[in-house]
Protein backbone atom coordinates (compact mmCIF):
# COMPACT_ATOMS: atom_id res chain seq x y z
CA MET A 1 -0.07 0.04 -0.06
CA SER A 2 1.56 3.56 -0.83
CA SER A 3 2.69 5.50 1.99
CA THR A 4 0.36 8.16 1.11
CA ALA A 5 -2.80 6.26 1.92
CA PRO A 6 -4.07 5.44 5.05
CA SER A 7 -3.66 1.49 6.06
CA ALA A 8 -6.69 -0.36 6.68
CA PRO A 9 -7.35 -0.34 10.46
CA VAL A 10 -6.71 -3.69 12.23
CA PRO A 11 -10.33 -4.89 13.05
CA ALA A 12 -10.80 -5.28 16.91
CA PRO A 13 -13.26 -8.21 18.35
CA PHE A 14 -16.31 -6.77 19.28
CA GLY A 15 -17.48 -7.16 22.80
CA TRP A 16 -18.72 -5.40 25.93
CA ARG A 17 -15.62 -3.63 26.41
CA LEU A 18 -15.41 -2.10 22.95
CA ALA A 19 -19.21 -1.56 23.31
CA ILE A 20 -18.50 0.53 26.61
CA GLY A 21 -15.81 2.70 24.80
CA LEU A 22 -18.11 3.21 21.67
CA ILE A 23 -20.94 4.39 24.22
CA GLY A 24 -18.06 7.02 25.77
CA VAL A 25 -17.70 8.37 22.20
CA LEU A 26 -21.41 8.69 21.62
CA ILE A 27 -21.76 10.69 24.98
CA ALA A 28 -18.95 12.92 24.23
CA ALA A 29 -20.62 13.61 20.93
CA LEU A 30 -24.11 14.35 22.38
CA THR A 31 -22.61 16.35 24.94
CA SER A 32 -20.57 18.56 22.51
CA GLY A 33 -23.84 19.03 20.49
CA LEU A 34 -25.79 20.10 23.56
CA ASN A 35 -23.20 22.67 24.83
CA ASP A 36 -23.50 25.12 21.68
CA ARG A 37 -27.16 24.97 21.77
CA VAL A 38 -27.96 25.14 25.54
CA THR A 39 -25.30 28.14 25.82
CA ASP A 40 -26.91 29.86 22.61
CA ILE A 41 -30.77 29.47 24.30
CA ALA A 42 -29.39 30.84 27.61
CA LEU A 43 -27.43 33.48 26.41
CA ALA A 44 -29.55 36.27 27.61
CA ASP A 45 -29.06 34.93 31.32
CA VAL A 46 -25.27 34.64 30.58
CA ARG A 47 -25.06 38.19 29.21
CA GLY A 48 -26.82 39.57 32.20
CA VAL A 49 -24.49 37.92 34.70
CA PHE A 50 -21.25 39.20 32.71
CA GLY A 51 -22.93 42.27 32.19
CA ILE A 52 -22.50 42.15 28.32
CA GLY A 53 -24.47 43.89 25.86
CA TYR A 54 -26.59 42.15 23.01
CA ASP A 55 -23.91 42.96 20.23
CA GLU A 56 -20.90 41.79 22.35
CA GLY A 57 -22.93 38.62 23.42
CA THR A 58 -23.36 37.42 19.67
CA TRP A 59 -19.82 36.89 19.61
CA ILE A 60 -19.91 34.19 22.45
CA SER A 61 -21.90 31.94 20.08
CA ALA A 62 -20.32 33.03 16.65
CA LEU A 63 -16.89 32.09 17.69
CA TYR A 64 -17.61 28.82 19.45
CA VAL A 65 -19.37 27.66 16.42
CA ALA A 66 -16.86 28.85 13.76
CA ALA A 67 -13.97 26.95 16.01
CA GLU A 68 -16.61 24.03 16.32
CA VAL A 69 -17.12 23.52 12.59
CA SER A 70 -13.46 23.98 11.80
CA ALA A 71 -12.33 21.60 14.04
CA MET A 72 -14.84 18.95 12.43
CA LEU A 73 -12.76 19.07 9.29
CA VAL A 74 -9.22 18.17 10.88
CA SER A 75 -10.53 15.82 13.64
CA PRO A 76 -10.38 12.79 11.82
CA TRP A 77 -7.05 13.00 10.44
CA LEU A 78 -5.77 14.01 13.83
CA ALA A 79 -7.30 10.90 15.20
CA MET A 80 -5.48 8.79 12.71
CA THR A 81 -2.13 10.38 13.53
CA PHE A 82 -2.38 10.25 17.31
CA SER A 83 -4.69 7.21 17.88
CA LEU A 84 -8.62 7.29 18.27
CA ARG A 85 -8.18 6.39 21.62
CA ARG A 86 -5.69 9.22 22.79
CA PHE A 87 -7.36 12.03 20.58
CA ALA A 88 -10.77 11.22 21.74
CA LEU A 89 -9.52 11.18 25.42
CA GLY A 90 -7.83 14.34 25.16
CA ALA A 91 -10.55 16.18 23.41
CA THR A 92 -13.17 15.02 25.72
CA LEU A 93 -11.34 15.94 28.97
CA ALA A 94 -10.24 19.37 27.33
CA PHE A 95 -13.75 20.05 26.32
CA GLY A 96 -15.22 19.50 30.09
CA PHE A 97 -12.37 21.33 31.87
CA LEU A 98 -12.67 24.43 29.34
CA GLY A 99 -16.22 24.03 30.17
CA LEU A 100 -15.66 24.42 33.90
CA LEU A 101 -13.47 27.58 33.57
CA CYS A 102 -15.97 29.36 31.37
CA PRO A 103 -18.08 30.82 34.13
CA LEU A 104 -15.17 31.84 35.96
CA ALA A 105 -13.80 34.20 33.40
CA PRO A 106 -12.94 37.45 34.80
CA ASN A 107 -13.94 39.47 31.67
CA LEU A 108 -15.45 39.02 28.08
CA ASP A 109 -12.22 38.97 26.43
CA THR A 110 -11.37 35.51 28.38
CA LEU A 111 -14.67 34.14 28.06
CA LEU A 112 -14.29 34.53 24.37
CA LEU A 113 -10.83 32.97 24.12
CA LEU A 114 -12.24 29.98 26.50
CA ARG A 115 -15.22 29.31 24.16
CA VAL A 116 -12.92 29.30 20.97
CA LEU A 117 -10.61 26.55 22.54
CA GLN A 118 -13.75 24.71 23.94
CA GLY A 119 -15.18 24.92 20.51
CA LEU A 120 -12.04 23.44 19.00
CA ALA A 121 -12.31 20.56 21.40
CA GLY A 122 -15.76 20.03 20.88
CA GLY A 123 -15.91 20.30 17.49
CA ALA A 124 -13.56 17.20 17.51
CA LEU A 125 -15.76 14.90 18.93
CA PRO A 126 -18.95 14.18 16.71
CA PRO A 127 -16.53 13.27 13.64
CA LEU A 128 -15.01 10.54 15.96
CA LEU A 129 -18.37 8.76 16.57
CA MET A 130 -18.96 8.04 12.84
CA THR A 131 -15.15 7.12 12.70
CA ALA A 132 -15.36 4.60 15.44
CA ALA A 133 -18.77 3.32 14.31
CA LEU A 134 -17.52 2.63 10.63
CA ARG A 135 -14.26 1.03 11.72
CA PHE A 136 -15.30 -0.98 14.87
CA LEU A 137 -18.83 -2.34 14.61
CA PRO A 138 -19.33 -5.49 12.85
CA TRP A 139 -21.56 -5.74 9.87
CA HIS A 140 -24.64 -7.07 11.86
CA ILE A 141 -25.13 -4.24 14.21
CA LYS A 142 -23.35 -1.35 12.15
CA LEU A 143 -26.76 0.28 11.37
CA TYR A 144 -27.39 0.38 14.89
CA GLY A 145 -24.32 2.48 15.58
CA LEU A 146 -25.20 4.76 12.49
CA SER A 147 -28.93 5.30 14.51
CA ALA A 148 -26.75 6.15 17.39
CA TYR A 149 -24.96 8.88 15.32
CA ALA A 150 -28.18 10.05 13.85
CA LEU A 151 -29.27 11.11 17.52
CA THR A 152 -26.80 13.83 17.22
CA ALA A 153 -28.92 15.30 14.52
CA THR A 154 -32.46 14.35 16.08
CA PHE A 155 -32.09 13.70 19.95
CA GLY A 156 -29.15 16.01 21.26
CA PRO A 157 -30.28 19.16 19.17
CA ASN A 158 -34.05 19.05 20.51
CA LEU A 159 -32.78 18.45 24.27
CA ALA A 160 -31.11 21.76 24.48
CA ILE A 161 -34.35 23.93 25.27
CA PRO A 162 -35.33 21.50 28.21
CA LEU A 163 -31.68 21.77 29.72
CA ALA A 164 -31.15 25.38 29.26
CA ALA A 165 -34.84 25.75 31.17
CA LEU A 166 -33.73 23.56 33.89
CA TRP A 167 -30.50 25.43 34.30
CA THR A 168 -31.76 28.94 34.13
CA ASN A 169 -35.07 28.48 36.21
CA GLY A 170 -34.20 27.79 39.82
CA LEU A 171 -30.73 26.31 39.59
CA ASP A 172 -27.28 27.66 39.11
CA TRP A 173 -26.78 29.69 35.88
CA ARG A 174 -23.30 28.17 35.84
CA LEU A 175 -24.75 24.87 35.01
CA VAL A 176 -25.13 25.99 31.42
CA PHE A 177 -21.35 25.66 31.26
CA TRP A 178 -20.88 22.99 33.96
CA GLN A 179 -23.44 20.61 32.28
CA VAL A 180 -20.70 18.92 30.42
CA VAL A 181 -18.11 18.35 33.23
CA PRO A 182 -19.97 15.06 34.56
CA ALA A 183 -20.94 13.66 30.88
CA CYS A 184 -17.17 14.34 30.05
CA LEU A 185 -15.67 12.49 32.94
CA VAL A 186 -18.14 9.44 32.12
CA ALA A 187 -17.19 9.58 28.66
CA ALA A 188 -13.42 9.51 29.19
CA GLY A 189 -13.65 6.77 31.63
CA CYS A 190 -15.56 4.71 29.04
CA ILE A 191 -13.44 5.80 26.32
CA ALA A 192 -10.14 4.64 27.91
CA TYR A 193 -11.72 1.56 29.18
CA GLY A 194 -13.18 0.43 26.01
CA ILE A 195 -11.40 1.88 22.70
CA PRO A 196 -8.24 0.01 21.64
CA GLN A 197 -5.03 1.58 21.51
CA ASP A 198 -3.27 2.27 18.29
CA PRO A 199 0.12 3.15 17.90
CA LEU A 200 1.35 6.69 17.16
CA ARG A 201 1.68 7.51 13.52
CA LEU A 202 3.42 10.84 13.59
CA GLU A 203 5.19 10.00 10.35
CA ARG A 204 1.87 11.41 8.78
CA PHE A 205 2.99 14.58 9.59
CA ARG A 206 5.46 14.63 6.98
CA GLN A 207 2.69 14.36 4.34
CA ALA A 208 0.20 16.65 6.42
CA ASP A 209 -2.22 18.61 4.31
CA TRP A 210 -1.32 21.88 5.91
CA LEU A 211 -2.40 24.09 3.05
CA GLY A 212 -5.90 22.11 3.11
CA ALA A 213 -6.26 22.83 6.80
CA LEU A 214 -5.47 26.57 6.32
CA PHE A 215 -7.70 27.18 3.33
CA GLY A 216 -10.41 24.96 4.77
CA CYS A 217 -10.54 26.07 8.47
CA GLY A 218 -10.04 29.73 7.19
CA SER A 219 -12.92 29.82 4.63
CA VAL A 220 -15.07 27.63 7.20
CA THR A 221 -14.27 30.10 10.03
CA MET A 222 -15.02 33.02 7.96
CA LEU A 223 -18.34 31.72 6.30
CA VAL A 224 -19.66 30.65 9.87
CA ILE A 225 -19.08 34.26 11.17
CA ALA A 226 -20.18 36.05 8.37
CA LEU A 227 -23.50 34.06 8.61
CA LEU A 228 -24.23 34.46 12.18
CA GLN A 229 -23.31 38.11 12.50
CA GLY A 230 -24.72 38.97 8.83
CA GLU A 231 -28.17 39.83 10.00
CA ARG A 232 -27.15 41.85 12.88
CA LEU A 233 -24.60 43.80 10.84
CA ASP A 234 -26.76 44.21 7.70
CA TRP A 235 -25.03 41.72 5.54
CA LEU A 236 -23.45 43.75 2.40
CA GLU A 237 -23.67 46.83 4.10
CA SER A 238 -20.87 45.75 6.64
CA PRO A 239 -17.35 46.10 5.54
CA LEU A 240 -16.75 43.36 7.92
CA ILE A 241 -18.97 40.87 6.18
CA CYS A 242 -17.75 41.96 2.86
CA THR A 243 -14.38 41.21 3.81
CA LEU A 244 -15.31 37.78 5.34
CA LEU A 245 -17.53 36.73 2.11
CA ALA A 246 -14.72 37.78 -0.16
CA GLY A 247 -12.08 35.65 1.82
CA VAL A 248 -14.36 32.55 1.55
CA ALA A 249 -14.82 33.15 -2.13
CA ILE A 250 -10.81 32.98 -2.48
CA LEU A 251 -9.93 30.53 -0.06
CA PHE A 252 -12.84 27.75 -0.40
CA PRO A 253 -12.14 27.06 -4.21
CA LEU A 254 -8.26 26.77 -3.24
CA PHE A 255 -9.39 24.34 -0.63
CA LEU A 256 -11.13 22.09 -3.04
CA ILE A 257 -8.25 22.19 -5.63
CA ASN A 258 -5.92 21.46 -2.96
CA GLU A 259 -7.79 18.63 -1.53
CA TRP A 260 -8.59 17.19 -5.18
CA PHE A 261 -4.84 16.74 -5.78
CA HIS A 262 -3.45 16.16 -2.05
CA PRO A 263 -2.00 12.39 -1.90
CA LEU A 264 -3.24 12.68 1.95
CA PRO A 265 -6.27 15.24 1.98
CA LEU A 266 -8.47 16.24 5.14
CA VAL A 267 -11.43 15.58 2.80
CA LYS A 268 -11.69 13.21 -0.17
CA LEU A 269 -13.64 14.84 -2.74
CA GLN A 270 -13.68 11.75 -4.85
CA LEU A 271 -16.18 10.20 -2.70
CA LEU A 272 -18.53 12.46 -4.00
CA GLY A 273 -18.43 10.68 -7.15
CA ARG A 274 -20.25 7.68 -5.61
CA ARG A 275 -23.87 8.44 -6.08
CA ASN A 276 -25.28 7.29 -2.55
CA PHE A 277 -22.52 9.14 -0.90
CA ALA A 278 -23.22 12.46 -2.66
CA PHE A 279 -27.17 11.74 -2.08
CA GLY A 280 -26.41 11.18 1.72
CA ASN A 281 -24.60 14.65 1.92
CA ILE A 282 -26.85 16.52 -0.03
CA THR A 283 -30.13 15.23 1.69
CA LEU A 284 -28.43 15.73 5.27
CA ALA A 285 -27.70 19.35 4.17
CA LEU A 286 -31.31 19.95 3.23
CA PHE A 287 -32.83 18.04 6.28
CA LEU A 288 -30.96 20.23 8.40
CA ILE A 289 -32.68 23.23 6.83
CA VAL A 290 -36.26 21.42 7.12
CA GLY A 291 -35.19 20.58 10.61
CA MET A 292 -35.64 24.16 11.50
CA SER A 293 -39.49 23.35 11.52
CA GLY A 294 -39.14 20.81 14.29
CA VAL A 295 -38.43 22.95 17.13
CA ALA A 296 -36.81 26.34 16.01
CA ILE A 297 -39.87 27.71 14.54
CA PRO A 298 -42.41 26.67 17.22
CA SER A 299 -40.20 28.11 19.74
CA ALA A 300 -39.23 31.16 17.84
CA TYR A 301 -43.19 31.81 17.45
CA LEU A 302 -44.08 31.02 21.24
CA THR A 303 -41.34 33.27 22.32
CA HIS A 304 -42.29 36.30 19.92
CA ILE A 305 -46.20 36.01 20.12
CA HIS A 306 -47.12 34.79 23.61
CA GLY A 307 -43.45 35.61 25.39
CA TYR A 308 -42.62 32.02 26.34
CA ARG A 309 -39.30 31.36 28.16
CA PRO A 310 -37.52 28.10 27.70
CA LEU A 311 -39.28 26.41 30.59
CA GLU A 312 -42.68 26.98 28.85
CA THR A 313 -41.41 25.57 25.37
CA MET A 314 -39.76 22.55 26.83
CA PRO A 315 -42.50 20.37 26.25
CA VAL A 316 -42.55 21.07 22.56
CA ALA A 317 -39.00 19.92 22.42
CA LEU A 318 -39.39 16.72 24.49
CA TRP A 319 -42.10 15.63 22.18
CA ILE A 320 -39.44 15.04 19.56
CA ALA A 321 -36.39 14.58 21.61
CA LEU A 322 -37.38 11.68 23.97
CA PRO A 323 -38.87 9.21 21.60
CA GLN A 324 -35.84 9.24 19.32
CA LEU A 325 -34.12 6.87 21.74
CA VAL A 326 -36.57 4.21 20.64
CA LEU A 327 -37.28 5.48 17.41
CA ALA A 328 -33.70 5.66 15.72
CA PRO A 329 -32.90 2.10 16.32
CA LEU A 330 -36.24 1.08 15.47
CA VAL A 331 -35.81 2.53 12.11
CA ALA A 332 -32.33 0.73 11.78
CA THR A 333 -34.24 -2.39 12.47
CA ILE A 334 -36.64 -1.96 9.62
CA ILE A 335 -34.20 -0.98 7.20
CA ASN A 336 -31.68 -4.01 8.29
CA ARG A 337 -34.09 -5.98 6.31
CA LYS A 338 -33.21 -6.79 2.59
CA TRP A 339 -36.82 -6.51 1.38
CA VAL A 340 -37.08 -2.96 2.74
CA ASP A 341 -36.12 -0.44 0.30
CA SER A 342 -34.60 2.48 2.35
CA ARG A 343 -35.41 5.26 -0.35
CA TRP A 344 -39.29 4.13 0.40
CA VAL A 345 -38.70 4.87 4.25
CA ILE A 346 -37.17 8.14 3.47
CA ALA A 347 -39.86 9.14 1.27
CA CYS A 348 -42.61 8.36 4.25
CA GLY A 349 -40.43 10.45 6.38
CA LEU A 350 -40.49 13.40 3.93
CA CYS A 351 -44.12 12.94 3.69
CA LEU A 352 -44.62 13.29 7.43
CA ILE A 353 -42.45 16.38 7.57
CA THR A 354 -44.46 17.83 4.81
CA LEU A 355 -47.59 17.36 6.37
CA ALA A 356 -46.20 18.94 9.81
CA CYS A 357 -45.01 21.94 7.55
CA LEU A 358 -48.41 22.07 5.72
CA GLY A 359 -50.22 22.08 9.20
CA GLY A 360 -47.79 24.62 10.75
CA SER A 361 -48.59 27.00 7.83
CA GLN A 362 -52.36 27.45 9.07
CA LEU A 363 -50.93 28.72 12.38
CA THR A 364 -52.60 31.97 13.73
CA SER A 365 -51.93 34.07 16.81
CA ASP A 366 -54.54 32.02 18.81
CA TRP A 367 -52.31 29.25 18.77
CA ILE A 368 -50.49 27.98 22.00
CA ARG A 369 -48.05 25.33 22.90
CA ASP A 370 -50.51 22.49 22.78
CA ASP A 371 -51.67 23.46 19.31
CA PHE A 372 -48.15 22.47 18.22
CA TYR A 373 -48.15 18.82 19.53
CA HIS A 374 -50.05 17.33 16.75
CA LEU A 375 -47.30 18.53 14.31
CA GLN A 376 -44.57 17.50 16.85
CA ILE A 377 -45.74 13.91 16.58
CA LEU A 378 -45.36 13.91 12.61
CA GLN A 379 -41.83 15.57 13.21
CA THR A 380 -41.06 12.80 15.86
CA LEU A 381 -41.81 9.96 13.27
CA GLY A 382 -40.42 11.63 10.11
CA GLN A 383 -37.06 12.75 11.53
CA PRO A 384 -35.31 9.36 12.21
CA MET A 385 -36.95 8.05 8.93
CA ILE A 386 -34.82 10.44 6.94
CA VAL A 387 -31.65 10.32 9.05
CA VAL A 388 -31.21 6.57 9.58
CA PRO A 389 -31.40 5.62 5.96
CA LEU A 390 -29.72 8.32 4.40
CA LEU A 391 -26.55 7.40 6.70
CA MET A 392 -26.98 3.67 5.54
CA ALA A 393 -27.17 4.95 1.89
CA ALA A 394 -24.07 7.01 2.42
CA THR A 395 -21.96 4.98 4.58
CA GLY A 396 -22.60 1.80 2.38
CA VAL A 397 -20.24 2.70 -0.36
CA VAL A 398 -17.37 3.64 2.11
CA HIS A 399 -14.70 1.24 2.78
CA PRO A 400 -13.40 1.08 6.70
CA MET A 401 -10.13 2.60 5.46
CA GLU A 402 -12.19 5.46 4.14
CA GLY A 403 -13.95 6.11 6.86
CA PRO A 404 -11.98 9.22 8.42
CA PHE A 405 -12.64 11.05 4.80
CA ALA A 406 -16.19 10.28 4.99
CA SER A 407 -16.48 11.40 8.47
CA ALA A 408 -14.77 14.69 8.12
CA THR A 409 -16.92 15.38 4.83
CA VAL A 410 -20.21 14.41 6.65
CA ASN A 411 -19.59 16.26 9.83
CA THR A 412 -18.37 19.44 8.08
CA ILE A 413 -21.24 19.54 5.89
CA ARG A 414 -23.35 18.90 9.03
CA GLY A 415 -21.91 21.59 11.04
CA LEU A 416 -22.02 24.22 8.05
CA PHE A 417 -25.51 23.77 7.26
CA SER A 418 -26.59 23.67 10.97
CA VAL A 419 -25.40 27.17 10.64
CA ILE A 420 -26.67 28.14 7.08
CA GLY A 421 -30.25 26.74 8.23
CA THR A 422 -30.16 28.88 11.30
CA ALA A 423 -29.03 32.01 9.12
CA LEU A 424 -31.67 31.39 5.97
CA LEU A 425 -34.53 31.05 8.58
CA GLU A 426 -33.60 34.35 10.63
CA HIS A 427 -33.17 36.35 7.42
CA PHE A 428 -36.39 34.91 5.86
CA LEU A 429 -38.41 35.78 8.75
CA THR A 430 -36.89 39.21 9.11
CA VAL A 431 -37.67 39.80 5.26
CA ARG A 432 -41.24 38.30 5.41
CA GLU A 433 -41.93 40.31 8.80
CA HIS A 434 -40.95 43.53 7.17
CA ILE A 435 -43.08 42.87 3.79
CA HIS A 436 -46.10 41.80 5.83
CA SER A 437 -45.52 44.83 8.13
CA ASN A 438 -45.71 47.27 5.08
CA VAL A 439 -48.66 45.37 3.26
CA LEU A 440 -50.68 45.78 6.84
CA LEU A 441 -49.63 49.44 7.42
CA ASP A 442 -50.59 50.42 3.62
CA ARG A 443 -54.06 48.94 4.11
CA LEU A 444 -54.28 50.76 7.61
CA GLY A 445 -53.45 53.75 5.98
CA SER A 446 -56.24 53.22 3.25
CA ALA A 447 -58.83 52.89 5.90
CA GLN A 448 -57.60 55.96 7.96
CA PRO A 449 -60.20 58.35 7.05
CA GLN A 450 -62.81 56.03 8.16
CA LEU A 451 -60.78 55.13 11.57
CA ALA A 452 -59.89 58.50 12.37
CA PRO A 453 -62.69 59.23 14.75
CA LEU A 454 -61.80 56.31 16.57
CA LEU A 455 -58.25 56.65 17.07
CA ASN A 456 -56.38 58.01 20.13
CA ASP A 457 -53.08 57.41 21.54
CA ASP A 458 -53.88 54.01 23.18
CA THR A 459 -55.85 52.87 20.44
CA VAL A 460 -52.71 53.76 18.05
CA ALA A 461 -50.22 51.70 20.20
CA HIS A 462 -52.57 48.71 20.62
CA LEU A 463 -52.90 48.65 16.70
CA GLY A 464 -49.17 48.95 15.97
CA GLN A 465 -48.64 46.21 18.49
CA ARG A 466 -51.27 43.78 16.86
CA ILE A 467 -50.03 44.92 13.19
CA ARG A 468 -46.12 43.71 14.46
CA GLU A 469 -47.85 40.85 16.00
CA GLN A 470 -49.89 39.53 13.13
CA ALA A 471 -46.78 40.12 10.68
CA PHE A 472 -44.68 37.86 12.75
CA VAL A 473 -47.55 35.14 12.60
CA LEU A 474 -47.68 35.46 8.83
CA SER A 475 -43.84 35.41 8.64
CA PHE A 476 -43.91 32.29 10.46
CA SER A 477 -46.50 30.81 8.29
CA ASP A 478 -44.41 31.65 5.42
CA ALA A 479 -41.53 29.82 6.87
CA TYR A 480 -43.51 26.48 6.93
CA LEU A 481 -44.50 26.96 3.49
CA ALA A 482 -40.79 27.69 2.25
CA LEU A 483 -39.65 24.64 3.98
CA ILE A 484 -42.49 22.47 2.19
CA GLY A 485 -40.33 23.71 -1.03
CA VAL A 486 -37.46 22.36 0.51
CA CYS A 487 -38.92 18.87 1.32
CA GLY A 488 -39.99 18.56 -2.42
CA LEU A 489 -36.39 19.26 -3.39
CA MET A 490 -35.44 16.41 -1.25
CA LEU A 491 -37.99 14.44 -2.95
CA VAL A 492 -36.52 15.34 -6.41
CA VAL A 493 -33.16 14.48 -5.16
CA LEU A 494 -34.30 11.16 -3.71
CA LEU A 495 -35.97 10.30 -7.20
CA ILE A 496 -32.93 10.96 -9.26
CA LEU A 497 -29.64 10.43 -7.44
CA PRO A 498 -29.51 7.35 -4.91
CA VAL A 499 -29.46 3.61 -6.14
CA ARG A 500 -30.78 0.81 -4.14
CA ALA A 501 -28.90 0.53 -0.84
CA PHE A 502 -28.63 -2.52 1.06
CA PRO A 503 -27.91 -3.27 4.72
CA PRO A 504 -24.42 -4.19 5.74
CA GLN A 505 -23.54 -7.96 4.58
CA PRO A 506 -20.97 -10.10 5.99
CA PRO A 507 -17.68 -9.99 4.60
CA VAL A 508 -17.08 -12.31 1.59
CA THR A 509 -14.21 -14.99 2.76
CA PRO A 510 -12.09 -16.37 -0.29
């Protein structure tokens, strides 16, 4: 085998010890995903404690996510170099230790530095879960390992609101940061006990993709910051956003060219030439946008229209989060049958999500939390029916020695499109709210001669509040309709791109 290619990993016998190690990696990956979202939801409380304004506070989340997504790109390469066990242990313990220090920061600058470092450690963890699943799991339970990875997209994000509500209502606000510490200790113990120890491969540094790391991490960092700060800074009206987007336009093509020709790249772009792998990544990217309809839109609606706090919106999230612990492995069991075509399972999941968005588009200002429960049931059933089969289709064409390349690609796309979905939803709601406000004000102006005798200061103030409320309601309805269009695009991709994917099969012995 060429020295430029990673050697095939030596298979380890699967047993309880290795299973415990994989559970540790799963706990670490779920904890990493929760940390970002919980902190973001509880950001108002954190800003209040530190005496930070809104504008400064947005950098707490932006810099963390930028570091997190950048780490996803290089994490599998580092794990191959230092060994999965060493790197997972180091990243997990560093992640927990930095979380312990964050609430003790004396000022904003120190807090931002700690969050960047914690983002680097936390972003390194989710790719390790897929890398470990592809390497260590035997064929007959590989789908269940992928369903565990699917929990990082369906279970973890939806558990963030309940945890943020728990820590900021009646308990210590510092638990927003400290929640990761016990989970990291448990995860580190499981990893140290169960994951086999590979030798160091420091010779890989001689062929390291330094330009790829520079171009890739640089472009990803600039893109994430531009997306998360763009709405606040008015996009192209801001010199900072223009500079960041120009940097992305220069560095990202250079990154792709470098990765295509480098003998030991961070991301193996040639994998996208395999139809099912390309389908899995495109579908995952679109799903992360459609997933905004599950918790993000109901939570934003309840917050803007009825003034709900995370404690009140918590049941809406739990309706989706908790059943995933059962539904994800159940879907894996179903598609682990040769006679089940996973493409039909994905299509059924898309239909359920479409029905949920169609129902959500009918919302009015009278809707309260209970009115979303029937939509959440559809989301609960539909999400794992999409994510688990697409992971099977994507990874089914990946050889074990290509696992790190696949993991870097999938996780970087996942991290980027989580940010892109959030930015698109925020911008869409802002634009549609302005449009609806203008239309409603125009209609009010047309009727002003008839209403003039009835208007006074109190009436005008109440009328302005009602117009703003109705504009927000209409924008949320439009968001649901727009996501139906994304579901339709996913269905088109499903009909055109993938070929029939079969469940993992036993290796053929000569």
